[in-house]
Amino acid sequence: MNKDQSKQYSSEPLSKKIKSTETTAPCTEENNNNNKDLQHQSTSTNFKPRYTGPPFDQLTPSQKQIQDSILQSRPKTGLSGPFGPWLANPSICAPAQSLGKVCRYDTSLTKYQSEIVILLTGAKHCSHTEFDIHVGEALDAGVSMEVIQSIPRDGEFTLKNVEDNVLPLIENEKDRSLILFTTQLLMNSGLISDELYDEAKRIVGEGKDEVLVEITSIIGYYTFVAYTLNVFRIPSK
């Protein structure tokens, strides 16, 4: 991307947006207690699926082998989510399974940070199933229900709404920068300015490009997941 193209996708530097939230008062003890009463209302449990993958009694040897591998590595969730449709083509399913494992468990991001990125991705792509599935994962990772419910959904997902609704609830500078970087990537199809890239590298990656590779990979993988869930109308349960 040349300088002219970079300018087209530039916006206010991350550091300015981060500083604008630093004066926000942290949640009070009363707010934290009230947060315990908040509940997520799932919106994807009643979807009527279009396709959930090949019938078990018609699996080819390759499909059966991958199915067994998935069931072994995912004893609680099995072929739920996108894995059923992906199993239609073993050459898609096998590497997708491997990439998903890396994006979930083998990056330098904390589980808290990864789940924030996944929720933002699901929200941007209107994937109610992806969002619903990861609410529980996010809560286990320490993301509060207040933060989860502040994420704008569907047509309300914009950079401004993320800045106005989500950032005031986030105290950690690195996490705020991560949220802004992720939102910028999602809103601009990955086309961001040199300034935004350099600031995210400094704050989130602590000077390392590799961290931005991981974030971009998580967004890309869960975009693939979101598209699969949306196309085939896979329910969360």
Protein backbone atom coordinates (compact mmCIF):
# COMPACT_ATOMS: atom_id res chain seq x y z
CA MET A 1 0.00 0.00 0.00
CA ASN A 2 1.55 3.32 -1.07
CA LYS A 3 1.42 6.54 0.94
CA ASP A 4 -1.68 7.82 -0.85
CA GLN A 5 -3.54 4.60 -0.16
CA SER A 6 -2.38 4.63 3.44
CA LYS A 7 -3.79 8.12 3.95
CA GLN A 8 -7.16 6.96 2.64
CA TYR A 9 -7.53 4.62 5.61
CA SER A 10 -5.88 6.78 8.25
CA SER A 11 -7.73 7.99 11.29
CA GLU A 12 -6.98 9.56 14.64
CA PRO A 13 -3.94 7.87 16.20
CA LEU A 14 -4.61 5.08 18.66
CA SER A 15 -2.73 6.89 21.42
CA LYS A 16 -5.10 9.87 21.28
CA LYS A 17 -8.15 7.63 21.55
CA ILE A 18 -6.56 5.68 24.37
CA LYS A 19 -5.72 8.83 26.32
CA SER A 20 -9.26 10.06 25.90
CA THR A 21 -10.48 7.16 28.04
CA GLU A 22 -7.88 7.37 30.79
CA THR A 23 -9.89 9.91 32.78
CA THR A 24 -12.91 7.60 32.88
CA ALA A 25 -13.63 6.51 36.43
CA PRO A 26 -13.18 2.77 36.97
CA CYS A 27 -16.21 0.66 37.80
CA THR A 28 -17.28 1.15 41.39
CA GLU A 29 -17.88 -1.75 43.76
CA GLU A 30 -21.60 -1.14 43.35
CA ASN A 31 -21.31 -1.42 39.57
CA ASN A 32 -19.29 -4.62 39.92
CA ASN A 33 -21.97 -6.12 42.14
CA ASN A 34 -24.69 -5.12 39.70
CA ASN A 35 -22.69 -6.72 36.90
CA LYS A 36 -23.20 -10.10 38.56
CA ASP A 37 -26.92 -9.80 37.86
CA LEU A 38 -26.45 -9.17 34.13
CA GLN A 39 -27.28 -12.09 31.88
CA HIS A 40 -26.64 -12.72 28.21
CA GLN A 41 -29.71 -13.49 26.13
CA SER A 42 -28.74 -15.99 23.45
CA THR A 43 -30.22 -15.21 20.04
CA SER A 44 -29.00 -18.21 18.03
CA THR A 45 -30.39 -21.30 19.72
CA ASN A 46 -33.48 -21.56 17.50
CA PHE A 47 -31.78 -21.32 14.11
CA LYS A 48 -32.94 -23.96 11.65
CA PRO A 49 -29.70 -25.18 10.04
CA ARG A 50 -29.40 -25.45 6.28
CA TYR A 51 -26.60 -27.98 6.40
CA THR A 52 -24.75 -29.57 9.31
CA GLY A 53 -22.33 -31.71 7.35
CA PRO A 54 -22.33 -35.20 5.82
CA PRO A 55 -24.37 -37.91 7.60
CA PHE A 56 -22.26 -39.98 9.97
CA ASP A 57 -23.20 -43.22 8.22
CA GLN A 58 -22.00 -41.88 4.88
CA LEU A 59 -18.57 -40.60 5.85
CA THR A 60 -15.60 -41.44 3.69
CA PRO A 61 -12.50 -42.89 5.41
CA SER A 62 -10.85 -39.46 5.31
CA GLN A 63 -13.90 -37.76 6.79
CA LYS A 64 -14.17 -40.41 9.50
CA GLN A 65 -10.52 -39.96 10.41
CA ILE A 66 -10.90 -36.18 10.76
CA GLN A 67 -14.17 -36.58 12.64
CA ASP A 68 -12.49 -38.86 15.19
CA SER A 69 -9.65 -36.37 15.58
CA ILE A 70 -12.09 -33.52 16.20
CA LEU A 71 -14.12 -35.53 18.71
CA GLN A 72 -10.94 -36.46 20.55
CA SER A 73 -9.67 -32.87 20.74
CA ARG A 74 -13.14 -31.40 21.46
CA PRO A 75 -14.82 -33.94 23.80
CA LYS A 76 -17.36 -31.42 25.11
CA THR A 77 -18.33 -29.65 21.88
CA GLY A 78 -17.50 -32.23 19.20
CA LEU A 79 -18.63 -31.28 15.70
CA SER A 80 -20.63 -28.27 16.86
CA GLY A 81 -20.13 -24.89 15.26
CA PRO A 82 -18.49 -24.83 11.82
CA PHE A 83 -16.89 -28.27 11.93
CA GLY A 84 -19.90 -30.15 10.57
CA PRO A 85 -20.06 -28.19 7.30
CA TRP A 86 -16.26 -28.13 7.01
CA LEU A 87 -16.19 -31.93 7.24
CA ALA A 88 -17.79 -32.02 3.78
CA ASN A 89 -14.27 -31.45 2.42
CA PRO A 90 -11.48 -33.04 4.48
CA SER A 91 -8.89 -30.86 2.77
CA ILE A 92 -10.67 -27.81 4.22
CA CYS A 93 -11.59 -29.27 7.58
CA ALA A 94 -8.19 -30.63 8.61
CA PRO A 95 -6.14 -27.43 8.19
CA ALA A 96 -9.03 -25.36 9.55
CA GLN A 97 -9.00 -27.46 12.70
CA SER A 98 -5.24 -27.00 13.07
CA LEU A 99 -5.38 -23.26 12.46
CA GLY A 100 -8.21 -22.88 14.95
CA LYS A 101 -6.21 -24.65 17.65
CA VAL A 102 -3.28 -22.31 17.10
CA CYS A 103 -5.46 -19.20 17.11
CA ARG A 104 -7.20 -20.26 20.32
CA TYR A 105 -4.37 -21.67 22.39
CA ASP A 106 -0.94 -21.04 20.86
CA THR A 107 -0.50 -17.27 20.56
CA SER A 108 1.13 -14.77 22.90
CA LEU A 109 -2.23 -13.12 23.62
CA THR A 110 -3.93 -13.83 26.91
CA LYS A 111 -7.23 -15.72 26.79
CA TYR A 112 -8.93 -12.47 27.85
CA GLN A 113 -7.46 -10.64 24.85
CA SER A 114 -8.24 -13.46 22.42
CA GLU A 115 -11.87 -13.65 23.50
CA ILE A 116 -12.28 -9.88 23.14
CA VAL A 117 -10.98 -10.13 19.56
CA ILE A 118 -13.32 -13.05 18.81
CA LEU A 119 -16.38 -11.27 20.23
CA LEU A 120 -15.62 -8.15 18.20
CA THR A 121 -15.22 -10.29 15.06
CA GLY A 122 -18.50 -12.09 15.66
CA ALA A 123 -20.29 -8.81 16.32
CA LYS A 124 -18.95 -7.18 13.16
CA HIS A 125 -19.99 -10.11 10.96
CA CYS A 126 -23.46 -10.40 12.54
CA SER A 127 -22.68 -13.95 13.62
CA HIS A 128 -25.03 -14.46 16.54
CA THR A 129 -23.86 -18.04 16.94
CA GLU A 130 -20.19 -17.13 17.15
CA PHE A 131 -20.95 -14.37 19.64
CA ASP A 132 -23.23 -16.56 21.78
CA ILE A 133 -20.75 -19.44 21.88
CA HIS A 134 -17.91 -17.21 23.03
CA VAL A 135 -19.80 -15.33 25.72
CA GLY A 136 -19.18 -18.22 28.11
CA GLU A 137 -15.54 -18.47 27.04
CA ALA A 138 -15.08 -14.73 27.54
CA LEU A 139 -16.62 -14.81 31.01
CA ASP A 140 -14.30 -17.66 31.97
CA ALA A 141 -11.38 -15.55 30.72
CA GLY A 142 -12.33 -12.64 32.96
CA VAL A 143 -14.26 -10.44 30.52
CA SER A 144 -17.14 -8.89 32.44
CA MET A 145 -20.72 -9.21 31.27
CA GLU A 146 -20.88 -5.43 31.25
CA VAL A 147 -18.09 -5.29 28.66
CA ILE A 148 -19.67 -8.11 26.63
CA GLN A 149 -23.03 -6.33 26.52
CA SER A 150 -21.39 -3.04 25.59
CA ILE A 151 -20.08 -4.45 22.30
CA PRO A 152 -22.25 -3.02 19.49
CA ARG A 153 -23.97 -5.73 17.47
CA ASP A 154 -25.06 -6.11 13.87
CA GLY A 155 -25.71 -2.79 12.13
CA GLU A 156 -24.61 -0.86 15.22
CA PHE A 157 -21.01 -2.06 14.96
CA THR A 158 -18.96 1.05 14.17
CA LEU A 159 -15.67 2.45 15.38
CA LYS A 160 -17.46 5.31 17.13
CA ASN A 161 -19.82 2.98 18.98
CA VAL A 162 -16.90 0.84 20.13
CA GLU A 163 -15.09 3.95 21.33
CA ASP A 164 -18.17 5.31 23.10
CA ASN A 165 -19.50 2.09 24.62
CA VAL A 166 -16.64 -0.35 25.12
CA LEU A 167 -13.49 1.68 25.78
CA PRO A 168 -14.76 3.50 28.90
CA LEU A 169 -15.06 0.07 30.57
CA ILE A 170 -11.49 -1.01 29.77
CA GLU A 171 -8.74 0.19 32.10
CA ASN A 172 -5.68 -1.53 30.65
CA GLU A 173 -3.89 0.48 27.96
CA LYS A 174 -2.79 -2.56 25.99
CA ASP A 175 -6.32 -3.98 25.96
CA ARG A 176 -7.78 -0.67 24.80
CA SER A 177 -5.23 -0.48 22.02
CA LEU A 178 -6.01 -4.08 21.05
CA ILE A 179 -9.72 -3.29 20.81
CA LEU A 180 -9.11 -0.24 18.64
CA PHE A 181 -6.68 -2.06 16.36
CA THR A 182 -9.09 -4.99 15.96
CA THR A 183 -12.03 -2.70 15.24
CA GLN A 184 -10.03 -0.75 12.65
CA LEU A 185 -9.06 -3.97 10.86
CA LEU A 186 -12.65 -5.20 10.85
CA MET A 187 -14.08 -1.89 9.62
CA ASN A 188 -11.50 -1.38 6.87
CA SER A 189 -10.93 -4.94 5.61
CA GLY A 190 -7.44 -4.85 7.07
CA LEU A 191 -6.45 -1.65 5.28
CA ILE A 192 -4.98 0.63 7.95
CA SER A 193 -2.51 3.49 7.92
CA ASP A 194 1.18 3.21 8.76
CA GLU A 195 0.51 5.38 11.81
CA LEU A 196 -2.12 3.02 13.21
CA TYR A 197 0.06 0.00 12.50
CA ASP A 198 3.11 1.51 14.21
CA GLU A 199 1.14 2.56 17.29
CA ALA A 200 -0.48 -0.86 17.67
CA LYS A 201 2.92 -2.48 17.25
CA ARG A 202 4.36 -0.27 19.98
CA ILE A 203 1.50 -0.60 22.48
CA VAL A 204 0.00 -4.03 21.87
CA GLY A 205 3.00 -5.81 20.40
CA GLU A 206 5.58 -4.07 22.59
CA GLY A 207 7.60 -3.47 19.44
CA LYS A 208 7.00 -6.90 17.90
CA ASP A 209 5.32 -7.37 14.52
CA GLU A 210 4.67 -11.00 15.41
CA VAL A 211 1.90 -10.04 17.84
CA LEU A 212 0.04 -8.20 15.09
CA VAL A 213 0.37 -11.31 12.91
CA GLU A 214 -1.37 -13.28 15.67
CA ILE A 215 -4.17 -10.74 16.07
CA THR A 216 -4.73 -10.60 12.31
CA SER A 217 -4.80 -14.40 12.16
CA ILE A 218 -7.39 -14.66 14.94
CA ILE A 219 -9.58 -12.11 13.16
CA GLY A 220 -9.17 -13.93 9.84
CA TYR A 221 -9.89 -17.36 11.26
CA TYR A 222 -12.98 -16.26 13.16
CA THR A 223 -14.21 -14.37 10.13
CA PHE A 224 -14.06 -17.73 8.31
CA VAL A 225 -15.93 -19.31 11.23
CA ALA A 226 -18.54 -16.52 11.23
CA TYR A 227 -19.17 -16.85 7.50
CA THR A 228 -19.61 -20.60 7.84
CA LEU A 229 -22.03 -20.26 10.75
CA ASN A 230 -24.02 -17.57 8.94
CA VAL A 231 -24.25 -19.31 5.56
CA PHE A 232 -25.40 -22.64 7.01
CA ARG A 233 -27.41 -21.11 9.89
CA ILE A 234 -25.69 -23.21 12.54
CA PRO A 235 -27.29 -22.71 15.99
CA SER A 236 -25.24 -22.24 19.12
CA LYS A 237 -26.88 -25.25 20.80
